[in-house]
Amino acid sequence: MSKLQVYWGSGSPFAWTVLLALEFKEIPYESHLLQFSKKEHKTEAMFKMNPRGKIPVIKDGETVVYETPAILHYLEKKFPQKPYFGTTPEQTAKIIQRISEVHSYLQKPIMDTVRPFLFNQVAGKEADIRKKSGFAHEELLVFEKILGGNNFLAGAEISAADFVFFPLMALFVRGLEKPEAKSFDLGFLPLGQRYPNTQKWMKRFEALPIFEKTYPPHWRG
């Protein structure tokens, strides 16, 4: 039986989520690291698997799945060992609820704030960045309260919700550590000063073996 094929890009929070899920479940897979700079995710072969030309994509035999939530659910059903969507209806509902909150409320203000710093697009966007950072603060305070009473985002145990939330936060912090971002003094860093529960959660996550195994390779330089 051939290994599951995974097509991903370094630094993509969505691809990182999938890698975390695979490593957590200890699923053997063959890695295909694509270079965004070379547009390797836009080749004819990739468009055949995902007509949107985006990653991550997995190929399991003849089955191709794209879009991160769909991949997470596919892996959970196909490889039920070490479930990350809970084992009771209540746990599953809480995990999906948290994932929905990340996608619906946090992802956009986080990315709107940090994208200009990550891609050198700050010029002329100073006021907009400060406005978007306010929305990011509002949402992060919600998650800060959630993490105040839990070791992980959906409770005492790690779940798919953490796999979705962590890569986004790691990318956010990475962008905020850029010299140009520091000059804005947006009030996010040091993270533990305003968001101590979130920082503790990130440190807790970083201590897990799956973190080191999936850390974006181009971030190691």
Protein backbone atom coordinates (compact mmCIF):
# COMPACT_ATOMS: atom_id res chain seq x y z
CA MET A 1 0.00 0.00 0.00
CA SER A 2 1.46 3.33 -1.07
CA LYS A 3 1.99 6.11 1.43
CA LEU A 4 -0.33 9.06 1.61
CA GLN A 5 1.06 11.98 -0.43
CA VAL A 6 1.15 15.47 1.06
CA TYR A 7 1.74 18.63 -1.00
CA TRP A 8 2.54 21.65 1.13
CA GLY A 9 4.49 24.89 1.40
CA SER A 10 6.82 26.05 4.16
CA GLY A 11 5.30 28.76 6.34
CA SER A 12 1.73 28.25 5.19
CA PRO A 13 -0.35 28.02 8.38
CA PHE A 14 -2.88 25.85 6.56
CA ALA A 15 -0.25 23.37 5.42
CA TRP A 16 1.30 23.39 8.88
CA THR A 17 -2.07 22.42 10.35
CA VAL A 18 -2.20 19.34 8.14
CA LEU A 19 1.36 18.31 8.99
CA LEU A 20 0.58 18.62 12.70
CA ALA A 21 -2.44 16.37 12.26
CA LEU A 22 -0.42 13.75 10.38
CA GLU A 23 2.36 13.71 12.95
CA PHE A 24 -0.08 13.60 15.86
CA LYS A 25 -1.76 10.53 14.41
CA GLU A 26 1.60 9.06 13.36
CA ILE A 27 0.39 8.49 9.80
CA PRO A 28 3.17 7.56 7.36
CA TYR A 29 3.27 10.00 4.47
CA GLU A 30 5.43 11.12 1.58
CA SER A 31 6.23 14.82 1.72
CA HIS A 32 6.19 17.07 -1.35
CA LEU A 33 7.50 20.48 -0.30
CA LEU A 34 6.57 23.02 -2.98
CA GLN A 35 8.28 26.39 -3.42
CA PHE A 36 5.89 29.34 -3.50
CA SER A 37 8.61 31.53 -5.06
CA LYS A 38 8.80 29.16 -8.02
CA LYS A 39 5.01 28.85 -8.22
CA GLU A 40 5.31 25.08 -7.92
CA HIS A 41 1.78 25.03 -6.50
CA LYS A 42 0.52 26.47 -9.81
CA THR A 43 1.70 23.70 -12.14
CA GLU A 44 -0.60 21.74 -14.41
CA ALA A 45 -0.21 18.68 -12.20
CA MET A 46 -1.28 20.63 -9.11
CA PHE A 47 -4.23 22.24 -10.89
CA LYS A 48 -5.45 18.75 -11.74
CA MET A 49 -5.59 17.95 -8.05
CA ASN A 50 -6.84 21.34 -6.89
CA PRO A 51 -8.35 23.60 -9.57
CA ARG A 52 -7.69 26.58 -7.31
CA GLY A 53 -3.95 25.96 -7.42
CA LYS A 54 -3.59 26.09 -3.64
CA ILE A 55 -2.04 23.91 -1.00
CA PRO A 56 -2.20 21.84 1.12
CA VAL A 57 -3.42 18.88 -0.90
CA ILE A 58 -3.31 15.24 0.07
CA LYS A 59 -3.54 12.23 -2.22
CA ASP A 60 -4.47 8.90 -0.67
CA GLY A 61 -4.49 6.30 -3.42
CA GLU A 62 -7.05 7.62 -5.89
CA THR A 63 -8.58 10.03 -3.39
CA VAL A 64 -7.53 13.68 -3.54
CA VAL A 65 -8.56 16.11 -0.81
CA TYR A 66 -7.89 19.84 -0.56
CA GLU A 67 -9.03 22.59 1.83
CA THR A 68 -7.62 22.18 5.32
CA PRO A 69 -10.89 21.48 7.21
CA ALA A 70 -11.78 18.76 4.70
CA ILE A 71 -8.33 17.20 5.05
CA LEU A 72 -8.59 17.22 8.86
CA HIS A 73 -11.94 15.43 8.76
CA TYR A 74 -10.75 12.95 6.12
CA LEU A 75 -7.72 11.98 8.20
CA GLU A 76 -9.86 11.63 11.33
CA LYS A 77 -12.26 9.24 9.59
CA LYS A 78 -9.65 7.30 7.64
CA PHE A 79 -7.19 6.99 10.54
CA PRO A 80 -9.29 6.98 13.73
CA GLN A 81 -6.37 6.24 16.05
CA LYS A 82 -5.55 9.11 18.41
CA PRO A 83 -8.69 11.13 17.64
CA TYR A 84 -8.28 14.90 17.56
CA PHE A 85 -11.98 15.75 17.17
CA GLY A 86 -12.87 14.32 20.57
CA THR A 87 -14.63 11.12 21.56
CA THR A 88 -18.01 12.50 22.65
CA PRO A 89 -20.57 14.72 20.89
CA GLU A 90 -19.84 17.45 23.42
CA GLN A 91 -16.09 17.36 22.81
CA THR A 92 -16.51 17.31 19.04
CA ALA A 93 -18.89 20.26 19.13
CA LYS A 94 -16.49 22.30 21.29
CA ILE A 95 -13.52 21.57 19.02
CA ILE A 96 -15.40 22.48 15.84
CA GLN A 97 -16.77 25.56 17.59
CA ARG A 98 -13.25 26.74 18.41
CA ILE A 99 -12.03 26.07 14.86
CA SER A 100 -14.97 28.05 13.50
CA GLU A 101 -14.13 30.95 15.82
CA VAL A 102 -10.53 31.00 14.60
CA HIS A 103 -11.56 30.93 10.95
CA SER A 104 -14.53 33.30 11.24
CA TYR A 105 -13.28 35.94 13.66
CA LEU A 106 -9.53 35.80 14.29
CA GLN A 107 -7.87 34.79 11.03
CA LYS A 108 -8.70 37.90 9.00
CA PRO A 109 -7.66 40.62 11.50
CA ILE A 110 -4.53 38.67 12.37
CA MET A 111 -3.49 38.32 8.73
CA ASP A 112 -4.56 41.86 7.81
CA THR A 113 -2.31 43.18 10.57
CA VAL A 114 0.78 41.12 9.88
CA ARG A 115 0.73 40.52 6.11
CA PRO A 116 2.27 43.91 5.23
CA PHE A 117 5.26 43.16 7.49
CA LEU A 118 5.72 39.66 6.10
CA PHE A 119 5.65 40.77 2.47
CA ASN A 120 7.21 44.26 2.67
CA GLN A 121 3.93 46.02 1.83
CA VAL A 122 3.82 48.59 4.61
CA ALA A 123 4.17 51.78 2.57
CA GLY A 124 0.93 53.72 2.49
CA LYS A 125 -0.85 51.26 4.79
CA GLU A 126 0.18 52.61 8.17
CA ALA A 127 -3.27 53.81 9.23
CA ASP A 128 -4.95 50.67 7.95
CA ILE A 129 -2.49 48.46 9.83
CA ARG A 130 -3.20 50.25 13.09
CA LYS A 131 -6.96 49.95 12.52
CA LYS A 132 -6.75 46.24 11.74
CA SER A 133 -4.49 45.65 14.74
CA GLY A 134 -7.30 46.95 16.95
CA PHE A 135 -9.62 44.25 15.62
CA ALA A 136 -6.87 41.67 16.21
CA HIS A 137 -6.53 42.79 19.82
CA GLU A 138 -10.29 42.46 20.36
CA GLU A 139 -10.30 38.88 19.12
CA LEU A 140 -7.10 37.86 20.89
CA LEU A 141 -8.64 38.99 24.18
CA VAL A 142 -11.48 36.53 23.59
CA PHE A 143 -9.03 33.69 23.03
CA GLU A 144 -6.98 34.84 26.01
CA LYS A 145 -10.02 34.32 28.24
CA ILE A 146 -10.70 30.89 26.72
CA LEU A 147 -7.13 29.80 27.39
CA GLY A 148 -7.30 31.07 30.95
CA GLY A 149 -9.21 28.00 32.05
CA ASN A 150 -7.78 25.38 29.69
CA ASN A 151 -4.44 23.81 28.87
CA PHE A 152 -5.46 23.72 25.21
CA LEU A 153 -7.96 25.60 23.08
CA ALA A 154 -10.88 23.21 23.45
CA GLY A 155 -10.13 21.77 26.88
CA ALA A 156 -7.58 19.77 28.80
CA GLU A 157 -6.36 17.76 25.81
CA ILE A 158 -4.78 18.84 22.54
CA SER A 159 -7.15 18.76 19.56
CA ALA A 160 -7.59 19.83 15.97
CA ALA A 161 -8.47 23.28 17.28
CA ASP A 162 -4.89 23.73 18.46
CA PHE A 163 -3.56 22.52 15.10
CA VAL A 164 -5.55 25.33 13.44
CA PHE A 165 -4.82 28.06 15.98
CA PHE A 166 -1.12 27.53 16.62
CA PRO A 167 0.28 27.98 13.06
CA LEU A 168 -1.71 31.19 12.68
CA MET A 169 -0.35 32.57 15.95
CA ALA A 170 3.21 31.48 15.13
CA LEU A 171 3.03 33.32 11.80
CA PHE A 172 1.55 36.35 13.54
CA VAL A 173 4.37 36.53 16.08
CA ARG A 174 6.97 35.99 13.35
CA GLY A 175 5.60 38.94 11.42
CA LEU A 176 5.47 41.16 14.49
CA GLU A 177 9.13 40.45 15.16
CA LYS A 178 10.15 42.04 11.86
CA PRO A 179 12.06 45.30 12.44
CA GLU A 180 9.45 47.41 10.64
CA ALA A 181 6.67 45.90 12.75
CA LYS A 182 8.52 46.66 15.97
CA SER A 183 8.70 50.32 14.99
CA PHE A 184 4.89 50.44 14.94
CA ASP A 185 4.65 49.39 18.61
CA LEU A 186 1.22 47.83 18.13
CA GLY A 187 1.11 46.46 21.66
CA PHE A 188 1.24 42.73 20.91
CA LEU A 189 4.82 42.00 21.95
CA PRO A 190 6.07 40.79 24.27
CA LEU A 191 3.06 38.48 23.97
CA GLY A 192 3.10 37.45 27.62
CA GLN A 193 2.67 41.01 28.82
CA ARG A 194 -0.87 41.41 27.51
CA TYR A 195 -1.71 37.82 26.64
CA PRO A 196 -0.04 35.63 29.28
CA ASN A 197 -2.43 32.70 28.86
CA THR A 198 -1.84 32.66 25.13
CA GLN A 199 1.91 32.72 25.59
CA LYS A 200 1.78 29.86 28.09
CA TRP A 201 -0.34 27.86 25.66
CA MET A 202 2.15 28.51 22.83
CA LYS A 203 5.04 27.37 25.05
CA ARG A 204 3.04 24.28 26.00
CA PHE A 205 2.46 23.51 22.33
CA GLU A 206 6.09 24.12 21.38
CA ALA A 207 7.16 21.49 23.92
CA LEU A 208 5.30 18.80 21.96
CA PRO A 209 7.31 16.58 19.56
CA ILE A 210 4.96 17.42 16.70
CA PHE A 211 6.07 21.05 16.85
CA GLU A 212 9.73 20.33 16.14
CA LYS A 213 8.86 17.74 13.49
CA THR A 214 6.72 20.18 11.50
CA TYR A 215 8.46 23.54 12.06
CA PRO A 216 8.67 25.42 8.73
CA PRO A 217 12.10 24.61 7.27
CA HIS A 218 12.73 28.07 5.83
CA TRP A 219 12.16 29.61 9.27
CA ARG A 220 15.20 27.81 10.70
CA GLY A 221 17.73 30.08 9.03
